[in-house]
Amino acid sequence: MTTIEVFHALQARDIQLTVDADRLAYDAPEGTVTEEVLTLLRQHKAALLALLTQLVPANDVAAIAPRTQEARPSQEHVPPSPPLYPGHPMGTPLRPGQQVWLYRWDDQTPRFDAPVTIMQMRTLWPGEQDIGWCNAAGEVTWHSARLAVAVETQEA
């Protein structure tokens, strides 16, 4: 099982992970932390710490809680509305951990009211990539990278 698969399996069980320095902690509904879950956490601790540290700022519990399509990250990181689709890929290459707006094929309108976080990338063939993001069920869902625009972050 890959680290991403472990992460998604934990999300599917409504287990939320938090990071404090080199410590991995979890918050879970009663009865969901089985011996299997504890074994996964032990086996993948270092990789989960690295993944979570990459994805979110330290101690930002809300950012690593299971994401839903309706979830809206804090306003300081997200523009109030998605930009118009530029009609072509632009900017630097997309990468896991980055937030993006997703657009529809047919009319290029925003797919959701909030951006999603890229969990994985895959190359279909040279020049064509898909981004993987978590849907409301915690499953990786794929979307063409051509129809994604990175959320602009303001430099401090």
N, C-alpha and C. Protein backbone atom coordinates (compact mmCIF):
# COMPACT_ATOMS: atom_id res chain seq x y z
N MET A 1 0.85 -1.18 0.00
CA MET A 1 0.00 0.00 0.00
C MET A 1 0.90 1.24 0.00
N THR A 2 0.61 2.20 -0.90
CA THR A 2 1.40 3.42 -0.94
C THR A 2 0.96 4.37 0.18
N THR A 3 1.75 5.38 0.42
CA THR A 3 1.42 6.36 1.45
C THR A 3 0.10 7.06 1.14
N ILE A 4 -0.10 7.41 -0.13
CA ILE A 4 -1.35 8.07 -0.52
C ILE A 4 -2.53 7.14 -0.27
N GLU A 5 -2.38 5.86 -0.60
CA GLU A 5 -3.46 4.89 -0.36
C GLU A 5 -3.76 4.76 1.13
N VAL A 6 -2.71 4.75 1.96
CA VAL A 6 -2.91 4.70 3.41
C VAL A 6 -3.65 5.96 3.87
N PHE A 7 -3.21 7.12 3.39
CA PHE A 7 -3.84 8.39 3.75
C PHE A 7 -5.33 8.36 3.40
N HIS A 8 -5.65 7.89 2.19
CA HIS A 8 -7.05 7.83 1.77
C HIS A 8 -7.85 6.79 2.56
N ALA A 9 -7.22 5.68 2.90
CA ALA A 9 -7.90 4.66 3.70
C ALA A 9 -8.25 5.22 5.08
N LEU A 10 -7.34 6.01 5.65
CA LEU A 10 -7.60 6.63 6.95
C LEU A 10 -8.72 7.66 6.83
N GLN A 11 -8.69 8.47 5.77
CA GLN A 11 -9.74 9.46 5.55
C GLN A 11 -11.10 8.78 5.40
N ALA A 12 -11.14 7.66 4.70
CA ALA A 12 -12.39 6.94 4.49
C ALA A 12 -12.99 6.46 5.81
N ARG A 13 -12.14 6.23 6.80
CA ARG A 13 -12.60 5.81 8.13
C ARG A 13 -12.82 7.00 9.05
N ASP A 14 -12.73 8.21 8.51
CA ASP A 14 -12.91 9.45 9.26
C ASP A 14 -11.83 9.63 10.33
N ILE A 15 -10.62 9.16 10.02
CA ILE A 15 -9.48 9.32 10.92
C ILE A 15 -8.69 10.53 10.45
N GLN A 16 -8.57 11.52 11.33
CA GLN A 16 -7.86 12.74 11.00
C GLN A 16 -6.46 12.70 11.61
N LEU A 17 -5.46 13.03 10.79
CA LEU A 17 -4.08 13.03 11.25
C LEU A 17 -3.61 14.44 11.55
N THR A 18 -2.76 14.56 12.56
CA THR A 18 -2.14 15.84 12.87
C THR A 18 -0.64 15.61 13.04
N VAL A 19 0.12 16.66 12.79
CA VAL A 19 1.57 16.60 12.88
C VAL A 19 2.04 17.63 13.89
N ASP A 20 2.92 17.20 14.79
CA ASP A 20 3.54 18.11 15.74
C ASP A 20 5.02 17.75 15.78
N ALA A 21 5.84 18.55 15.09
CA ALA A 21 7.27 18.27 14.92
C ALA A 21 7.43 16.91 14.24
N ASP A 22 7.98 15.91 14.96
CA ASP A 22 8.16 14.59 14.35
C ASP A 22 7.15 13.57 14.89
N ARG A 23 6.07 14.08 15.45
CA ARG A 23 5.04 13.23 16.06
C ARG A 23 3.80 13.21 15.18
N LEU A 24 3.29 12.01 14.91
CA LEU A 24 2.06 11.83 14.15
C LEU A 24 0.97 11.43 15.12
N ALA A 25 -0.12 12.19 15.15
CA ALA A 25 -1.24 11.88 16.04
C ALA A 25 -2.49 11.71 15.20
N TYR A 26 -3.48 11.06 15.78
CA TYR A 26 -4.74 10.87 15.06
C TYR A 26 -5.92 11.17 15.97
N ASP A 27 -7.02 11.55 15.34
CA ASP A 27 -8.29 11.75 16.01
C ASP A 27 -9.29 10.92 15.23
N ALA A 28 -9.99 10.03 15.92
CA ALA A 28 -10.86 9.10 15.21
C ALA A 28 -12.12 8.78 16.03
N PRO A 29 -13.21 8.50 15.33
CA PRO A 29 -14.41 8.06 16.03
C PRO A 29 -14.13 6.75 16.77
N GLU A 30 -14.83 6.54 17.85
CA GLU A 30 -14.64 5.35 18.66
C GLU A 30 -14.84 4.08 17.82
N GLY A 31 -13.93 3.14 17.98
CA GLY A 31 -14.04 1.85 17.30
C GLY A 31 -13.43 1.80 15.91
N THR A 32 -12.93 2.92 15.39
CA THR A 32 -12.37 2.91 14.04
C THR A 32 -10.88 2.61 14.01
N VAL A 33 -10.21 2.75 15.15
CA VAL A 33 -8.78 2.49 15.20
C VAL A 33 -8.57 1.02 15.58
N THR A 34 -8.46 0.19 14.56
CA THR A 34 -8.26 -1.25 14.74
C THR A 34 -6.77 -1.55 14.77
N GLU A 35 -6.42 -2.80 15.01
CA GLU A 35 -5.02 -3.21 14.97
C GLU A 35 -4.45 -3.00 13.57
N GLU A 36 -5.27 -3.21 12.55
CA GLU A 36 -4.84 -2.98 11.16
C GLU A 36 -4.46 -1.51 10.96
N VAL A 37 -5.27 -0.59 11.49
CA VAL A 37 -4.99 0.85 11.36
C VAL A 37 -3.70 1.20 12.10
N LEU A 38 -3.53 0.68 13.29
CA LEU A 38 -2.32 0.96 14.06
C LEU A 38 -1.08 0.43 13.33
N THR A 39 -1.19 -0.73 12.72
CA THR A 39 -0.07 -1.28 11.95
C THR A 39 0.27 -0.39 10.77
N LEU A 40 -0.77 0.07 10.04
CA LEU A 40 -0.53 0.98 8.92
C LEU A 40 0.15 2.26 9.38
N LEU A 41 -0.32 2.82 10.50
CA LEU A 41 0.28 4.05 11.02
C LEU A 41 1.75 3.83 11.39
N ARG A 42 2.05 2.70 12.02
CA ARG A 42 3.45 2.42 12.39
C ARG A 42 4.32 2.24 11.15
N GLN A 43 3.82 1.44 10.19
CA GLN A 43 4.60 1.15 9.00
C GLN A 43 4.85 2.38 8.13
N HIS A 44 3.90 3.29 8.09
CA HIS A 44 3.98 4.43 7.18
C HIS A 44 4.18 5.76 7.90
N LYS A 45 4.58 5.72 9.17
CA LYS A 45 4.69 6.94 9.96
C LYS A 45 5.58 7.99 9.29
N ALA A 46 6.78 7.61 8.92
CA ALA A 46 7.72 8.59 8.34
C ALA A 46 7.18 9.17 7.04
N ALA A 47 6.62 8.33 6.19
CA ALA A 47 6.10 8.80 4.91
C ALA A 47 4.86 9.68 5.11
N LEU A 48 3.99 9.31 6.06
CA LEU A 48 2.81 10.13 6.34
C LEU A 48 3.22 11.49 6.91
N LEU A 49 4.22 11.50 7.80
CA LEU A 49 4.73 12.77 8.33
C LEU A 49 5.24 13.65 7.19
N ALA A 50 6.00 13.06 6.28
CA ALA A 50 6.54 13.83 5.15
C ALA A 50 5.42 14.35 4.27
N LEU A 51 4.44 13.51 3.97
CA LEU A 51 3.31 13.91 3.13
C LEU A 51 2.53 15.06 3.77
N LEU A 52 2.19 14.90 5.03
CA LEU A 52 1.40 15.93 5.71
C LEU A 52 2.18 17.22 5.88
N THR A 53 3.46 17.12 6.12
CA THR A 53 4.29 18.32 6.26
C THR A 53 4.35 19.07 4.94
N GLN A 54 4.38 18.33 3.83
CA GLN A 54 4.38 18.95 2.50
C GLN A 54 3.05 19.62 2.20
N LEU A 55 1.96 18.99 2.58
CA LEU A 55 0.63 19.45 2.18
C LEU A 55 0.13 20.64 2.98
N VAL A 56 0.51 20.75 4.25
CA VAL A 56 -0.08 21.78 5.09
C VAL A 56 0.96 22.42 5.99
N PRO A 57 0.69 23.65 6.41
CA PRO A 57 1.56 24.28 7.40
C PRO A 57 1.47 23.52 8.73
N ALA A 58 2.50 23.60 9.54
CA ALA A 58 2.52 22.92 10.83
C ALA A 58 1.30 23.31 11.67
N ASN A 59 0.74 22.33 12.35
CA ASN A 59 -0.38 22.50 13.28
C ASN A 59 -1.67 22.99 12.63
N ASP A 60 -1.83 22.88 11.34
CA ASP A 60 -3.05 23.32 10.67
C ASP A 60 -3.99 22.13 10.53
N VAL A 61 -4.67 21.79 11.61
CA VAL A 61 -5.51 20.60 11.66
C VAL A 61 -6.61 20.65 10.61
N ALA A 62 -7.22 21.79 10.40
CA ALA A 62 -8.32 21.89 9.44
C ALA A 62 -7.87 21.53 8.03
N ALA A 63 -6.63 21.79 7.72
CA ALA A 63 -6.15 21.53 6.37
C ALA A 63 -5.94 20.05 6.08
N ILE A 64 -5.80 19.21 7.12
CA ILE A 64 -5.59 17.79 6.87
C ILE A 64 -6.79 16.96 7.26
N ALA A 65 -7.87 17.62 7.63
CA ALA A 65 -9.11 16.90 7.86
C ALA A 65 -9.62 16.42 6.51
N PRO A 66 -10.46 15.39 6.49
CA PRO A 66 -10.97 14.94 5.21
C PRO A 66 -11.61 16.09 4.45
N ARG A 67 -11.26 16.19 3.17
CA ARG A 67 -11.77 17.27 2.34
C ARG A 67 -13.04 16.83 1.63
N THR A 68 -13.97 17.76 1.49
CA THR A 68 -15.16 17.48 0.71
C THR A 68 -15.22 18.49 -0.41
N GLN A 69 -16.06 18.23 -1.38
CA GLN A 69 -16.19 19.17 -2.49
C GLN A 69 -16.71 20.50 -2.01
N GLU A 70 -17.48 20.50 -0.92
CA GLU A 70 -18.05 21.74 -0.43
C GLU A 70 -17.12 22.47 0.54
N ALA A 71 -16.08 21.81 1.00
CA ALA A 71 -15.19 22.44 1.98
C ALA A 71 -14.54 23.67 1.37
N ARG A 72 -14.40 24.70 2.16
CA ARG A 72 -13.77 25.92 1.67
C ARG A 72 -12.61 26.27 2.59
N PRO A 73 -11.38 26.25 2.08
CA PRO A 73 -10.23 26.61 2.90
C PRO A 73 -10.34 28.05 3.39
N SER A 74 -9.46 28.39 4.33
CA SER A 74 -9.51 29.73 4.90
C SER A 74 -9.36 30.79 3.81
N GLN A 75 -9.99 31.91 3.99
CA GLN A 75 -10.03 32.96 2.98
C GLN A 75 -8.66 33.57 2.69
N GLU A 76 -7.71 33.48 3.61
CA GLU A 76 -6.41 34.07 3.35
C GLU A 76 -5.64 33.32 2.27
N HIS A 77 -6.01 32.08 1.98
CA HIS A 77 -5.32 31.30 0.96
C HIS A 77 -6.09 31.17 -0.34
N VAL A 78 -7.36 31.60 -0.37
CA VAL A 78 -8.21 31.36 -1.52
C VAL A 78 -8.84 32.65 -2.00
N PRO A 79 -8.77 32.91 -3.29
CA PRO A 79 -9.47 34.09 -3.80
C PRO A 79 -10.98 33.91 -3.60
N PRO A 80 -11.74 35.01 -3.56
CA PRO A 80 -13.17 34.90 -3.28
C PRO A 80 -13.93 34.11 -4.35
N SER A 81 -13.45 34.10 -5.57
CA SER A 81 -14.10 33.32 -6.62
C SER A 81 -13.05 32.87 -7.62
N PRO A 82 -13.36 31.80 -8.36
CA PRO A 82 -12.36 31.32 -9.30
C PRO A 82 -12.15 32.30 -10.46
N PRO A 83 -10.95 32.36 -10.99
CA PRO A 83 -10.71 33.22 -12.14
C PRO A 83 -11.36 32.63 -13.38
N LEU A 84 -11.53 33.40 -14.42
CA LEU A 84 -12.04 32.88 -15.68
C LEU A 84 -11.01 31.92 -16.25
N TYR A 85 -11.48 30.87 -16.88
CA TYR A 85 -10.57 29.90 -17.49
C TYR A 85 -9.81 30.56 -18.63
N PRO A 86 -8.47 30.49 -18.61
CA PRO A 86 -7.69 31.20 -19.63
C PRO A 86 -7.70 30.54 -21.02
N GLY A 87 -8.21 29.32 -21.12
CA GLY A 87 -8.29 28.66 -22.42
C GLY A 87 -7.09 27.80 -22.75
N HIS A 88 -6.08 27.81 -21.91
CA HIS A 88 -4.88 27.01 -22.14
C HIS A 88 -4.12 26.88 -20.82
N PRO A 89 -3.28 25.85 -20.67
CA PRO A 89 -2.48 25.73 -19.46
C PRO A 89 -1.55 26.93 -19.32
N MET A 90 -1.34 27.37 -18.10
CA MET A 90 -0.46 28.52 -17.90
C MET A 90 0.29 28.40 -16.58
N GLY A 91 1.36 29.14 -16.48
CA GLY A 91 2.15 29.17 -15.25
C GLY A 91 3.07 27.97 -15.11
N THR A 92 3.56 27.76 -13.90
CA THR A 92 4.48 26.66 -13.62
C THR A 92 3.74 25.34 -13.62
N PRO A 93 4.45 24.24 -13.79
CA PRO A 93 3.80 22.92 -13.77
C PRO A 93 3.08 22.68 -12.44
N LEU A 94 1.98 21.97 -12.51
CA LEU A 94 1.22 21.64 -11.30
C LEU A 94 1.96 20.55 -10.54
N ARG A 95 1.73 20.49 -9.21
CA ARG A 95 2.42 19.51 -8.37
C ARG A 95 1.52 19.11 -7.20
N PRO A 96 1.75 17.92 -6.62
CA PRO A 96 0.98 17.50 -5.44
C PRO A 96 1.10 18.51 -4.31
N GLY A 97 0.02 18.71 -3.60
CA GLY A 97 -0.02 19.66 -2.49
C GLY A 97 -0.50 21.04 -2.91
N GLN A 98 -0.54 21.30 -4.20
CA GLN A 98 -0.95 22.60 -4.72
C GLN A 98 -2.48 22.66 -4.85
N GLN A 99 -3.05 23.81 -4.58
CA GLN A 99 -4.49 23.99 -4.76
C GLN A 99 -4.77 24.52 -6.16
N VAL A 100 -5.82 23.98 -6.78
CA VAL A 100 -6.18 24.37 -8.14
C VAL A 100 -7.70 24.50 -8.27
N TRP A 101 -8.10 25.35 -9.19
CA TRP A 101 -9.49 25.45 -9.59
C TRP A 101 -9.68 24.47 -10.74
N LEU A 102 -10.78 23.74 -10.75
CA LEU A 102 -11.08 22.80 -11.83
C LEU A 102 -12.19 23.37 -12.70
N TYR A 103 -12.06 23.18 -14.01
CA TYR A 103 -13.03 23.70 -14.98
C TYR A 103 -13.63 22.56 -15.81
N ARG A 104 -14.84 22.77 -16.32
CA ARG A 104 -15.55 21.78 -17.13
C ARG A 104 -15.05 21.82 -18.58
N TRP A 105 -15.13 20.63 -19.25
CA TRP A 105 -14.75 20.54 -20.66
C TRP A 105 -15.68 21.35 -21.54
N ASP A 106 -16.99 21.22 -21.32
CA ASP A 106 -17.97 21.75 -22.26
C ASP A 106 -18.04 23.28 -22.31
N ASP A 107 -18.12 23.93 -21.15
CA ASP A 107 -18.28 25.38 -21.17
C ASP A 107 -17.20 26.14 -20.39
N GLN A 108 -16.21 25.44 -19.89
CA GLN A 108 -15.08 26.01 -19.16
C GLN A 108 -15.50 26.84 -17.93
N THR A 109 -16.64 26.49 -17.33
CA THR A 109 -17.04 27.13 -16.08
C THR A 109 -16.40 26.36 -14.93
N PRO A 110 -16.24 26.99 -13.77
CA PRO A 110 -15.66 26.30 -12.62
C PRO A 110 -16.50 25.07 -12.24
N ARG A 111 -15.82 24.01 -11.92
CA ARG A 111 -16.51 22.76 -11.55
C ARG A 111 -17.05 22.83 -10.13
N PHE A 112 -16.35 23.53 -9.23
CA PHE A 112 -16.76 23.65 -7.82
C PHE A 112 -16.61 25.09 -7.37
N ASP A 113 -17.20 25.39 -6.20
CA ASP A 113 -17.10 26.73 -5.61
C ASP A 113 -15.80 26.94 -4.85
N ALA A 114 -15.04 25.87 -4.67
CA ALA A 114 -13.78 25.95 -3.93
C ALA A 114 -12.71 25.18 -4.69
N PRO A 115 -11.46 25.57 -4.54
CA PRO A 115 -10.39 24.82 -5.20
C PRO A 115 -10.19 23.46 -4.53
N VAL A 116 -9.50 22.57 -5.20
CA VAL A 116 -9.17 21.27 -4.63
C VAL A 116 -7.65 21.20 -4.49
N THR A 117 -7.18 20.27 -3.67
CA THR A 117 -5.75 20.07 -3.48
C THR A 117 -5.31 18.86 -4.28
N ILE A 118 -4.26 19.02 -5.06
CA ILE A 118 -3.73 17.92 -5.85
C ILE A 118 -3.07 16.91 -4.92
N MET A 119 -3.50 15.65 -5.01
CA MET A 119 -2.90 14.58 -4.20
C MET A 119 -1.88 13.78 -5.02
N GLN A 120 -2.16 13.62 -6.33
CA GLN A 120 -1.28 12.83 -7.20
C GLN A 120 -1.29 13.43 -8.59
N MET A 121 -0.28 13.09 -9.36
CA MET A 121 -0.23 13.46 -10.78
C MET A 121 0.05 12.18 -11.56
N ARG A 122 -0.50 12.09 -12.78
CA ARG A 122 -0.16 10.97 -13.65
C ARG A 122 -0.04 11.48 -15.08
N THR A 123 0.88 10.87 -15.82
CA THR A 123 1.07 11.21 -17.22
C THR A 123 0.38 10.16 -18.06
N LEU A 124 -0.56 10.59 -18.89
CA LEU A 124 -1.29 9.66 -19.76
C LEU A 124 -0.45 9.32 -20.98
N TRP A 125 0.15 10.32 -21.58
CA TRP A 125 1.09 10.21 -22.69
C TRP A 125 1.86 11.51 -22.71
N PRO A 126 2.94 11.61 -23.44
CA PRO A 126 3.73 12.85 -23.42
C PRO A 126 2.88 14.08 -23.73
N GLY A 127 2.95 15.03 -22.85
CA GLY A 127 2.20 16.28 -23.01
C GLY A 127 0.80 16.26 -22.43
N GLU A 128 0.36 15.13 -21.90
CA GLU A 128 -1.01 15.04 -21.35
C GLU A 128 -0.95 14.47 -19.93
N GLN A 129 -1.39 15.30 -18.95
CA GLN A 129 -1.37 14.88 -17.55
C GLN A 129 -2.75 14.98 -16.94
N ASP A 130 -2.96 14.16 -15.90
CA ASP A 130 -4.15 14.24 -15.08
C ASP A 130 -3.71 14.58 -13.66
N ILE A 131 -4.60 15.25 -12.94
CA ILE A 131 -4.36 15.50 -11.52
C ILE A 131 -5.33 14.64 -10.73
N GLY A 132 -4.87 14.12 -9.62
CA GLY A 132 -5.71 13.34 -8.72
C GLY A 132 -6.01 14.16 -7.49
N TRP A 133 -7.29 14.24 -7.14
CA TRP A 133 -7.72 14.98 -5.95
C TRP A 133 -8.73 14.12 -5.21
N CYS A 134 -8.99 14.42 -3.94
CA CYS A 134 -9.91 13.62 -3.13
C CYS A 134 -11.33 14.13 -3.26
N ASN A 135 -12.26 13.23 -3.59
CA ASN A 135 -13.67 13.62 -3.62
C ASN A 135 -14.26 13.52 -2.21
N ALA A 136 -15.56 13.73 -2.09
CA ALA A 136 -16.21 13.75 -0.78
C ALA A 136 -16.09 12.41 -0.05
N ALA A 137 -15.96 11.32 -0.81
CA ALA A 137 -15.83 9.99 -0.20
C ALA A 137 -14.38 9.67 0.16
N GLY A 138 -13.45 10.60 -0.11
CA GLY A 138 -12.05 10.36 0.20
C GLY A 138 -11.33 9.56 -0.86
N GLU A 139 -11.97 9.36 -2.02
CA GLU A 139 -11.36 8.60 -3.11
C GLU A 139 -10.64 9.55 -4.06
N VAL A 140 -9.56 9.06 -4.66
CA VAL A 140 -8.86 9.87 -5.65
C VAL A 140 -9.71 9.92 -6.91
N THR A 141 -9.96 11.13 -7.39
CA THR A 141 -10.71 11.37 -8.61
C THR A 141 -9.78 12.10 -9.57
N TRP A 142 -9.86 11.75 -10.84
CA TRP A 142 -8.93 12.30 -11.83
C TRP A 142 -9.59 13.37 -12.67
N HIS A 143 -8.78 14.38 -13.05
CA HIS A 143 -9.26 15.51 -13.84
C HIS A 143 -8.11 15.96 -14.74
N SER A 144 -8.41 16.34 -15.96
CA SER A 144 -7.37 16.78 -16.89
C SER A 144 -6.65 18.02 -16.36
N ALA A 145 -5.33 17.95 -16.36
CA ALA A 145 -4.54 19.10 -15.90
C ALA A 145 -4.72 20.30 -16.83
N ARG A 146 -5.13 20.06 -18.07
CA ARG A 146 -5.37 21.17 -19.00
C ARG A 146 -6.52 22.06 -18.52
N LEU A 147 -7.40 21.48 -17.72
CA LEU A 147 -8.58 22.22 -17.24
C LEU A 147 -8.44 22.56 -15.76
N ALA A 148 -7.23 22.86 -15.34
CA ALA A 148 -6.97 23.25 -13.96
C ALA A 148 -6.10 24.51 -13.97
N VAL A 149 -6.39 25.40 -13.04
CA VAL A 149 -5.62 26.64 -12.89
C VAL A 149 -5.19 26.73 -11.44
N ALA A 150 -3.90 26.94 -11.20
CA ALA A 150 -3.37 27.03 -9.85
C ALA A 150 -3.96 28.24 -9.12
N VAL A 151 -4.23 28.06 -7.83
CA VAL A 151 -4.68 29.15 -6.99
C VAL A 151 -3.49 30.05 -6.76
N GLU A 152 -3.67 31.33 -7.02
CA GLU A 152 -2.59 32.29 -6.82
C GLU A 152 -2.45 32.56 -5.34
N THR A 153 -1.23 32.47 -4.86
CA THR A 153 -0.96 32.79 -3.45
C THR A 153 -0.21 34.10 -3.40
N GLN A 154 -0.53 34.90 -2.40
CA GLN A 154 0.14 36.19 -2.26
C GLN A 154 1.41 36.00 -1.46
N GLU A 155 2.49 36.55 -1.96
CA GLU A 155 3.76 36.46 -1.25
C GLU A 155 3.76 37.45 -0.09
N ALA A 156 4.30 37.01 1.04
CA ALA A 156 4.31 37.87 2.23
C ALA A 156 5.40 38.90 2.14
